[in-house]
Amino acid sequence: MKNMKRWVVAVFLIMFFPVCAFAESLTVAAAANVEFALKELKSAFEQETGITVKTVIGSSGKLVAQIENGAPFDIFMSADMEYPEILKKEGLVYGEPKVYSYGILVLWTVSRDINLEGWQEVLGQRRIRKIAIASPKTAPYGKQAINAIKYYNLYRNVSHKLVYGESISQASQFIASGAADIGFTAKSVVLAPDIKEKGVWVEVDPKAYQPLAQGVVILNYAQEHHSKEALKFFDFLFSDQAKEIFKKYGYVLP
């Protein structure tokens, strides 16, 4: 009789508390430029493995500061390799950082009245009052936007027009809302489904800035709590399925 009761209780628990409720989960901290691609990567990975993925989006520099202060992140997807290498030197990562894609810098405006041919001259025009970029102090895309502006000897003429977002996401919001007339963002942003029909954009010549080699690394927290799951996600980022998603969002594969 006791065994029968135990069996009934077990069936009840399975019915009302599905196994998926007890599935392992990961927290992935990712640079803002990869936010839209990550939504698809997350969905594909969860479907394939049953492992739940929670994402935290921000500028690479601010995410690193959180990691250094003990944030419980398993994976860090940076907009460059410099930040993962810093974490490695500080002993906060498990294994080696690896480039998962190369990002592309673009100039974007939602105004149909702005012709981006010869954009270097356009930025200096009077009607262009605000140029949005991500903070060069914490966002690699912002740093490379400054490099591109300086490459074309425009900084002296346009520096007073620059408005800074704390991440590429916020800078893109400035552009999308019209709060900035034009701005620098990631190609992955302008190719996002809800954005790609808005305005016009042009790629910045790669010669004008340093390559945006975007790196991923497994953090010590994962090694202590979700080592197998973190390794699965890390490996998934280099799978054929993930590569197709990255290409869809304009990334160049290593």
C-alpha atoms as a PDB file:
ATOM      1  CA  MET A   1       0.000   0.000   0.000  1.00  0.00           C
ATOM      2  CA  LYS A   2       2.854   2.366   0.925  1.00  0.00           C
ATOM      3  CA  ASN A   3       4.566   1.585  -2.381  1.00  0.00           C
ATOM      4  CA  MET A   4       1.326   2.335  -4.226  1.00  0.00           C
ATOM      5  CA  LYS A   5       1.053   5.738  -2.505  1.00  0.00           C
ATOM      6  CA  ARG A   6       4.657   6.547  -3.379  1.00  0.00           C
ATOM      7  CA  TRP A   7       3.995   5.621  -7.006  1.00  0.00           C
ATOM      8  CA  VAL A   8       0.914   7.862  -7.119  1.00  0.00           C
ATOM      9  CA  VAL A   9       2.877  10.770  -5.609  1.00  0.00           C
ATOM     10  CA  ALA A  10       5.659  10.266  -8.151  1.00  0.00           C
ATOM     11  CA  VAL A  11       3.202  10.338 -11.053  1.00  0.00           C
ATOM     12  CA  PHE A  12       1.594  13.473  -9.606  1.00  0.00           C
ATOM     13  CA  LEU A  13       4.958  15.256  -9.386  1.00  0.00           C
ATOM     14  CA  ILE A  14       5.856  14.357 -12.955  1.00  0.00           C
ATOM     15  CA  MET A  15       2.481  15.584 -14.226  1.00  0.00           C
ATOM     16  CA  PHE A  16       2.497  18.916 -12.440  1.00  0.00           C
ATOM     17  CA  PHE A  17       6.237  19.620 -12.250  1.00  0.00           C
ATOM     18  CA  PRO A  18       7.644  18.642 -15.666  1.00  0.00           C
ATOM     19  CA  VAL A  19      11.220  17.500 -15.989  1.00  0.00           C
ATOM     20  CA  CYS A  20      12.043  20.643 -17.977  1.00  0.00           C
ATOM     21  CA  ALA A  21      11.433  22.672 -14.841  1.00  0.00           C
ATOM     22  CA  PHE A  22      14.533  21.050 -13.379  1.00  0.00           C
ATOM     23  CA  ALA A  23      16.656  21.450 -16.509  1.00  0.00           C
ATOM     24  CA  GLU A  24      19.991  23.184 -16.174  1.00  0.00           C
ATOM     25  CA  SER A  25      20.283  26.786 -17.313  1.00  0.00           C
ATOM     26  CA  LEU A  26      23.084  29.068 -18.431  1.00  0.00           C
ATOM     27  CA  THR A  27      23.603  32.808 -18.190  1.00  0.00           C
ATOM     28  CA  VAL A  28      25.296  34.339 -21.221  1.00  0.00           C
ATOM     29  CA  ALA A  29      26.609  37.893 -20.932  1.00  0.00           C
ATOM     30  CA  ALA A  30      26.844  39.353 -24.428  1.00  0.00           C
ATOM     31  CA  ALA A  31      27.928  42.580 -26.081  1.00  0.00           C
ATOM     32  CA  ALA A  32      24.968  44.601 -27.350  1.00  0.00           C
ATOM     33  CA  ASN A  33      25.865  44.197 -31.029  1.00  0.00           C
ATOM     34  CA  VAL A  34      25.125  40.470 -30.871  1.00  0.00           C
ATOM     35  CA  GLU A  35      21.739  40.848 -29.137  1.00  0.00           C
ATOM     36  CA  PHE A  36      19.583  40.093 -32.180  1.00  0.00           C
ATOM     37  CA  ALA A  37      21.661  37.194 -33.463  1.00  0.00           C
ATOM     38  CA  LEU A  38      21.790  35.789 -29.947  1.00  0.00           C
ATOM     39  CA  LYS A  39      18.007  35.522 -29.831  1.00  0.00           C
ATOM     40  CA  GLU A  40      18.143  33.066 -32.726  1.00  0.00           C
ATOM     41  CA  LEU A  41      21.203  31.297 -31.356  1.00  0.00           C
ATOM     42  CA  LYS A  42      19.493  30.909 -27.989  1.00  0.00           C
ATOM     43  CA  SER A  43      16.340  29.483 -29.546  1.00  0.00           C
ATOM     44  CA  ALA A  44      18.242  26.989 -31.690  1.00  0.00           C
ATOM     45  CA  PHE A  45      20.455  25.879 -28.800  1.00  0.00           C
ATOM     46  CA  GLU A  46      17.562  25.425 -26.387  1.00  0.00           C
ATOM     47  CA  GLN A  47      15.628  23.405 -28.940  1.00  0.00           C
ATOM     48  CA  GLU A  48      18.625  21.185 -29.618  1.00  0.00           C
ATOM     49  CA  THR A  49      19.766  20.617 -26.033  1.00  0.00           C
ATOM     50  CA  GLY A  50      16.898  21.445 -23.678  1.00  0.00           C
ATOM     51  CA  ILE A  51      19.256  23.731 -21.760  1.00  0.00           C
ATOM     52  CA  THR A  52      17.713  27.092 -20.885  1.00  0.00           C
ATOM     53  CA  VAL A  53      19.736  30.185 -21.734  1.00  0.00           C
ATOM     54  CA  LYS A  54      19.327  33.525 -19.983  1.00  0.00           C
ATOM     55  CA  THR A  55      20.993  36.517 -21.630  1.00  0.00           C
ATOM     56  CA  VAL A  56      22.416  39.706 -20.151  1.00  0.00           C
ATOM     57  CA  ILE A  57      23.109  42.400 -22.754  1.00  0.00           C
ATOM     58  CA  GLY A  58      25.393  45.407 -22.335  1.00  0.00           C
ATOM     59  CA  SER A  59      28.611  47.048 -23.437  1.00  0.00           C
ATOM     60  CA  SER A  60      31.622  44.749 -23.254  1.00  0.00           C
ATOM     61  CA  GLY A  61      33.408  46.977 -20.764  1.00  0.00           C
ATOM     62  CA  LYS A  62      30.473  47.178 -18.357  1.00  0.00           C
ATOM     63  CA  LEU A  63      29.921  43.414 -18.517  1.00  0.00           C
ATOM     64  CA  VAL A  64      33.589  42.873 -17.693  1.00  0.00           C
ATOM     65  CA  ALA A  65      33.240  45.139 -14.664  1.00  0.00           C
ATOM     66  CA  GLN A  66      30.299  43.018 -13.494  1.00  0.00           C
ATOM     67  CA  ILE A  67      32.281  39.815 -14.002  1.00  0.00           C
ATOM     68  CA  GLU A  68      35.197  41.241 -12.047  1.00  0.00           C
ATOM     69  CA  ASN A  69      32.755  41.991  -9.233  1.00  0.00           C
ATOM     70  CA  GLY A  70      31.467  38.428  -9.089  1.00  0.00           C
ATOM     71  CA  ALA A  71      28.441  38.437 -11.412  1.00  0.00           C
ATOM     72  CA  PRO A  72      27.187  34.826 -11.880  1.00  0.00           C
ATOM     73  CA  PHE A  73      27.730  34.627 -15.646  1.00  0.00           C
ATOM     74  CA  ASP A  74      28.708  31.393 -17.372  1.00  0.00           C
ATOM     75  CA  ILE A  75      29.696  32.653 -20.820  1.00  0.00           C
ATOM     76  CA  PHE A  76      30.987  36.025 -21.981  1.00  0.00           C
ATOM     77  CA  MET A  77      30.555  37.053 -25.631  1.00  0.00           C
ATOM     78  CA  SER A  78      32.589  40.211 -26.170  1.00  0.00           C
ATOM     79  CA  ALA A  79      32.695  42.669 -29.069  1.00  0.00           C
ATOM     80  CA  ASP A  80      36.470  42.246 -29.163  1.00  0.00           C
ATOM     81  CA  MET A  81      39.231  39.950 -27.940  1.00  0.00           C
ATOM     82  CA  GLU A  82      40.824  42.516 -25.643  1.00  0.00           C
ATOM     83  CA  TYR A  83      38.259  42.178 -22.858  1.00  0.00           C
ATOM     84  CA  PRO A  84      38.311  38.350 -22.780  1.00  0.00           C
ATOM     85  CA  GLU A  85      42.106  38.492 -22.668  1.00  0.00           C
ATOM     86  CA  ILE A  86      41.926  40.890 -19.714  1.00  0.00           C
ATOM     87  CA  LEU A  87      39.688  38.437 -17.854  1.00  0.00           C
ATOM     88  CA  LYS A  88      42.113  35.647 -18.683  1.00  0.00           C
ATOM     89  CA  LYS A  89      45.031  37.592 -17.193  1.00  0.00           C
ATOM     90  CA  GLU A  90      42.942  38.174 -14.074  1.00  0.00           C
ATOM     91  CA  GLY A  91      42.327  34.436 -13.735  1.00  0.00           C
ATOM     92  CA  LEU A  92      38.554  34.745 -14.210  1.00  0.00           C
ATOM     93  CA  VAL A  93      38.113  32.414 -17.182  1.00  0.00           C
ATOM     94  CA  TYR A  94      38.258  28.714 -17.843  1.00  0.00           C
ATOM     95  CA  GLY A  95      40.068  27.806 -21.044  1.00  0.00           C
ATOM     96  CA  GLU A  96      41.098  30.081 -23.885  1.00  0.00           C
ATOM     97  CA  PRO A  97      39.118  32.942 -25.465  1.00  0.00           C
ATOM     98  CA  LYS A  98      38.215  32.253 -29.085  1.00  0.00           C
ATOM     99  CA  VAL A  99      37.047  34.469 -31.961  1.00  0.00           C
ATOM    100  CA  TYR A 100      33.500  33.523 -32.970  1.00  0.00           C
ATOM    101  CA  SER A 101      32.997  36.235 -35.622  1.00  0.00           C
ATOM    102  CA  TYR A 102      34.197  39.544 -37.010  1.00  0.00           C
ATOM    103  CA  GLY A 103      31.852  42.516 -36.718  1.00  0.00           C
ATOM    104  CA  ILE A 104      31.256  45.185 -39.342  1.00  0.00           C
ATOM    105  CA  LEU A 105      30.953  48.894 -38.566  1.00  0.00           C
ATOM    106  CA  VAL A 106      28.257  50.823 -40.461  1.00  0.00           C
ATOM    107  CA  LEU A 107      26.955  54.370 -40.665  1.00  0.00           C
ATOM    108  CA  TRP A 108      23.148  54.501 -40.380  1.00  0.00           C
ATOM    109  CA  THR A 109      20.385  57.072 -40.600  1.00  0.00           C
ATOM    110  CA  VAL A 110      16.598  56.742 -40.630  1.00  0.00           C
ATOM    111  CA  SER A 111      16.292  59.961 -42.624  1.00  0.00           C
ATOM    112  CA  ARG A 112      15.596  59.376 -46.298  1.00  0.00           C
ATOM    113  CA  ASP A 113      16.816  62.907 -46.999  1.00  0.00           C
ATOM    114  CA  ILE A 114      20.426  62.080 -46.177  1.00  0.00           C
ATOM    115  CA  ASN A 115      22.480  60.644 -49.016  1.00  0.00           C
ATOM    116  CA  LEU A 116      25.284  58.491 -47.642  1.00  0.00           C
ATOM    117  CA  GLU A 117      27.374  58.642 -50.794  1.00  0.00           C
ATOM    118  CA  GLY A 118      30.488  60.513 -49.769  1.00  0.00           C
ATOM    119  CA  TRP A 119      29.393  60.260 -46.125  1.00  0.00           C
ATOM    120  CA  GLN A 120      32.669  61.728 -44.929  1.00  0.00           C
ATOM    121  CA  GLU A 121      31.545  65.109 -46.282  1.00  0.00           C
ATOM    122  CA  VAL A 122      27.964  64.594 -45.092  1.00  0.00           C
ATOM    123  CA  LEU A 123      29.027  64.388 -41.429  1.00  0.00           C
ATOM    124  CA  GLY A 124      30.449  67.877 -41.592  1.00  0.00           C
ATOM    125  CA  GLN A 125      27.305  69.460 -43.007  1.00  0.00           C
ATOM    126  CA  ARG A 126      25.359  71.927 -40.870  1.00  0.00           C
ATOM    127  CA  ARG A 127      22.129  69.955 -41.021  1.00  0.00           C
ATOM    128  CA  ILE A 128      23.890  67.052 -39.271  1.00  0.00           C
ATOM    129  CA  ARG A 129      23.701  68.201 -35.678  1.00  0.00           C
ATOM    130  CA  LYS A 130      24.067  64.932 -33.755  1.00  0.00           C
ATOM    131  CA  ILE A 131      26.113  61.844 -34.574  1.00  0.00           C
ATOM    132  CA  ALA A 132      25.513  58.852 -32.315  1.00  0.00           C
ATOM    133  CA  ILE A 133      28.224  56.395 -31.330  1.00  0.00           C
ATOM    134  CA  ALA A 134      28.694  53.927 -28.492  1.00  0.00           C
ATOM    135  CA  SER A 135      30.998  54.982 -25.674  1.00  0.00           C
ATOM    136  CA  PRO A 136      34.594  54.330 -26.803  1.00  0.00           C
ATOM    137  CA  LYS A 137      35.526  53.738 -23.155  1.00  0.00           C
ATOM    138  CA  THR A 138      33.401  50.611 -22.749  1.00  0.00           C
ATOM    139  CA  ALA A 139      32.182  49.610 -26.235  1.00  0.00           C
ATOM    140  CA  PRO A 140      34.612  48.331 -28.906  1.00  0.00           C
ATOM    141  CA  TYR A 141      32.309  49.535 -31.703  1.00  0.00           C
ATOM    142  CA  GLY A 142      32.462  53.033 -30.230  1.00  0.00           C
ATOM    143  CA  LYS A 143      36.235  52.860 -30.061  1.00  0.00           C
ATOM    144  CA  GLN A 144      36.439  51.815 -33.701  1.00  0.00           C
ATOM    145  CA  ALA A 145      33.941  54.496 -34.737  1.00  0.00           C
ATOM    146  CA  ILE A 146      36.324  57.074 -33.289  1.00  0.00           C
ATOM    147  CA  ASN A 147      39.196  55.409 -35.145  1.00  0.00           C
ATOM    148  CA  ALA A 148      37.242  55.650 -38.407  1.00  0.00           C
ATOM    149  CA  ILE A 149      36.411  59.318 -37.826  1.00  0.00           C
ATOM    150  CA  LYS A 150      40.071  60.063 -37.159  1.00  0.00           C
ATOM    151  CA  TYR A 151      41.171  57.982 -40.153  1.00  0.00           C
ATOM    152  CA  TYR A 152      39.282  60.386 -42.412  1.00  0.00           C
ATOM    153  CA  ASN A 153      40.570  63.431 -40.477  1.00  0.00           C
ATOM    154  CA  LEU A 154      37.050  64.371 -39.416  1.00  0.00           C
ATOM    155  CA  TYR A 155      37.401  64.436 -35.644  1.00  0.00           C
ATOM    156  CA  ARG A 156      38.156  68.152 -35.280  1.00  0.00           C
ATOM    157  CA  ASN A 157      35.121  69.079 -37.385  1.00  0.00           C
ATOM    158  CA  VAL A 158      32.575  66.669 -35.894  1.00  0.00           C
ATOM    159  CA  SER A 159      33.671  65.980 -32.304  1.00  0.00           C
ATOM    160  CA  HIS A 160      31.188  68.555 -30.951  1.00  0.00           C
ATOM    161  CA  LYS A 161      28.343  66.671 -32.702  1.00  0.00           C
ATOM    162  CA  LEU A 162      29.049  63.301 -31.112  1.00  0.00           C
ATOM    163  CA  VAL A 163      26.479  61.898 -28.677  1.00  0.00           C
ATOM    164  CA  TYR A 164      27.445  58.798 -26.766  1.00  0.00           C
ATOM    165  CA  GLY A 165      25.349  55.780 -25.876  1.00  0.00           C
ATOM    166  CA  GLU A 166      26.617  53.516 -23.123  1.00  0.00           C
ATOM    167  CA  SER A 167      26.430  50.604 -25.585  1.00  0.00           C
ATOM    168  CA  ILE A 168      25.878  50.025 -29.307  1.00  0.00           C
ATOM    169  CA  SER A 169      22.264  49.283 -28.400  1.00  0.00           C
ATOM    170  CA  GLN A 170      21.676  52.722 -26.900  1.00  0.00           C
ATOM    171  CA  ALA A 171      23.539  54.465 -29.711  1.00  0.00           C
ATOM    172  CA  SER A 172      21.310  52.600 -32.178  1.00  0.00           C
ATOM    173  CA  GLN A 173      18.220  53.728 -30.263  1.00  0.00           C
ATOM    174  CA  PHE A 174      19.368  57.333 -30.660  1.00  0.00           C
ATOM    175  CA  ILE A 175      19.582  56.799 -34.415  1.00  0.00           C
ATOM    176  CA  ALA A 176      16.348  54.806 -34.772  1.00  0.00           C
ATOM    177  CA  SER A 177      14.332  57.360 -32.796  1.00  0.00           C
ATOM    178  CA  GLY A 178      15.744  60.322 -34.695  1.00  0.00           C
ATOM    179  CA  ALA A 179      17.319  61.732 -31.539  1.00  0.00           C
ATOM    180  CA  ALA A 180      20.533  61.640 -33.579  1.00  0.00           C
ATOM    181  CA  ASP A 181      20.574  62.544 -37.261  1.00  0.00           C
ATOM    182  CA  ILE A 182      23.000  59.769 -38.083  1.00  0.00           C
ATOM    183  CA  GLY A 183      25.365  57.420 -36.281  1.00  0.00           C
ATOM    184  CA  PHE A 184      27.743  54.506 -36.220  1.00  0.00           C
ATOM    185  CA  THR A 185      26.466  51.076 -35.288  1.00  0.00           C
ATOM    186  CA  ALA A 186      26.957  47.384 -36.025  1.00  0.00           C
ATOM    187  CA  LYS A 187      25.845  45.749 -39.262  1.00  0.00           C
ATOM    188  CA  SER A 188      24.167  43.092 -37.124  1.00  0.00           C
ATOM    189  CA  VAL A 189      21.835  45.794 -35.779  1.00  0.00           C
ATOM    190  CA  VAL A 190      20.679  47.188 -39.137  1.00  0.00           C
ATOM    191  CA  LEU A 191      20.033  43.631 -40.384  1.00  0.00           C
ATOM    192  CA  ALA A 192      17.780  42.768 -37.435  1.00  0.00           C
ATOM    193  CA  PRO A 193      14.229  41.854 -38.596  1.00  0.00           C
ATOM    194  CA  ASP A 194      12.498  44.814 -36.920  1.00  0.00           C
ATOM    195  CA  ILE A 195      15.077  47.342 -38.090  1.00  0.00           C
ATOM    196  CA  LYS A 196      16.344  46.408 -41.566  1.00  0.00           C
ATOM    197  CA  GLU A 197      13.604  48.343 -43.375  1.00  0.00           C
ATOM    198  CA  LYS A 198      14.290  51.550 -41.459  1.00  0.00           C
ATOM    199  CA  GLY A 199      16.427  54.180 -43.125  1.00  0.00           C
ATOM    200  CA  VAL A 200      19.644  53.643 -45.040  1.00  0.00           C
ATOM    201  CA  TRP A 201      23.120  52.517 -44.089  1.00  0.00           C
ATOM    202  CA  VAL A 202      26.556  52.043 -45.564  1.00  0.00           C
ATOM    203  CA  GLU A 203      29.501  49.919 -44.478  1.00  0.00           C
ATOM    204  CA  VAL A 204      32.546  51.789 -43.255  1.00  0.00           C
ATOM    205  CA  ASP A 205      35.700  50.800 -45.130  1.00  0.00           C
ATOM    206  CA  PRO A 206      37.461  48.178 -42.943  1.00  0.00           C
ATOM    207  CA  LYS A 207      40.735  49.994 -43.607  1.00  0.00           C
ATOM    208  CA  ALA A 208      39.457  52.836 -41.440  1.00  0.00           C
ATOM    209  CA  TYR A 209      39.311  50.859 -38.199  1.00  0.00           C
ATOM    210  CA  GLN A 210      40.842  47.894 -36.448  1.00  0.00           C
ATOM    211  CA  PRO A 211      39.182  44.503 -37.023  1.00  0.00           C
ATOM    212  CA  LEU A 212      36.332  43.812 -34.605  1.00  0.00           C
ATOM    213  CA  ALA A 213      37.385  40.284 -33.701  1.00  0.00           C
ATOM    214  CA  GLN A 214      34.609  39.217 -31.344  1.00  0.00           C
ATOM    215  CA  GLY A 215      35.649  36.730 -28.688  1.00  0.00           C
ATOM    216  CA  VAL A 216      33.857  34.267 -26.440  1.00  0.00           C
ATOM    217  CA  VAL A 217      35.118  32.621 -23.281  1.00  0.00           C
ATOM    218  CA  ILE A 218      33.823  30.303 -20.553  1.00  0.00           C
ATOM    219  CA  LEU A 219      33.979  31.952 -17.145  1.00  0.00           C
ATOM    220  CA  ASN A 220      35.053  30.411 -13.847  1.00  0.00           C
ATOM    221  CA  TYR A 221      31.487  30.531 -12.543  1.00  0.00           C
ATOM    222  CA  ALA A 222      30.479  28.069 -15.255  1.00  0.00           C
ATOM    223  CA  GLN A 223      33.309  25.720 -14.402  1.00  0.00           C
ATOM    224  CA  GLU A 224      32.059  25.600 -10.841  1.00  0.00           C
ATOM    225  CA  HIS A 225      28.327  25.330 -11.597  1.00  0.00           C
ATOM    226  CA  HIS A 226      27.499  24.447 -15.229  1.00  0.00           C
ATOM    227  CA  SER A 227      30.674  23.141 -16.832  1.00  0.00           C
ATOM    228  CA  LYS A 228      29.064  20.640 -19.231  1.00  0.00           C
ATOM    229  CA  GLU A 229      26.289  23.001 -20.293  1.00  0.00           C
ATOM    230  CA  ALA A 230      28.695  25.899 -20.812  1.00  0.00           C
ATOM    231  CA  LEU A 231      30.980  23.768 -22.968  1.00  0.00           C
ATOM    232  CA  LYS A 232      27.999  22.690 -25.073  1.00  0.00           C
ATOM    233  CA  PHE A 233      27.030  26.300 -25.702  1.00  0.00           C
ATOM    234  CA  PHE A 234      30.621  27.305 -26.424  1.00  0.00           C
ATOM    235  CA  ASP A 235      30.930  24.500 -28.986  1.00  0.00           C
ATOM    236  CA  PHE A 236      27.514  25.330 -30.444  1.00  0.00           C
ATOM    237  CA  LEU A 237      28.712  28.832 -31.345  1.00  0.00           C
ATOM    238  CA  PHE A 238      31.130  27.227 -33.810  1.00  0.00           C
ATOM    239  CA  SER A 239      28.619  24.787 -35.292  1.00  0.00           C
ATOM    240  CA  ASP A 240      27.346  25.035 -38.877  1.00  0.00           C
ATOM    241  CA  GLN A 241      23.932  26.078 -37.587  1.00  0.00           C
ATOM    242  CA  ALA A 242      25.373  28.952 -35.561  1.00  0.00           C
ATOM    243  CA  LYS A 243      27.601  30.033 -38.432  1.00  0.00           C
ATOM    244  CA  GLU A 244      24.570  30.444 -40.681  1.00  0.00           C
ATOM    245  CA  ILE A 245      22.905  32.634 -38.066  1.00  0.00           C
ATOM    246  CA  PHE A 246      26.009  34.804 -37.710  1.00  0.00           C
ATOM    247  CA  LYS A 247      26.228  35.213 -41.485  1.00  0.00           C
ATOM    248  CA  LYS A 248      22.547  36.182 -41.615  1.00  0.00           C
ATOM    249  CA  TYR A 249      23.353  39.121 -39.336  1.00  0.00           C
ATOM    250  CA  GLY A 250      26.292  40.303 -41.403  1.00  0.00           C
ATOM    251  CA  TYR A 251      29.136  38.888 -39.376  1.00  0.00           C
ATOM    252  CA  VAL A 252      32.274  37.615 -41.087  1.00  0.00           C
ATOM    253  CA  LEU A 253      33.323  34.167 -39.906  1.00  0.00           C
ATOM    254  CA  PRO A 254      36.869  33.526 -38.699  1.00  0.00           C
END
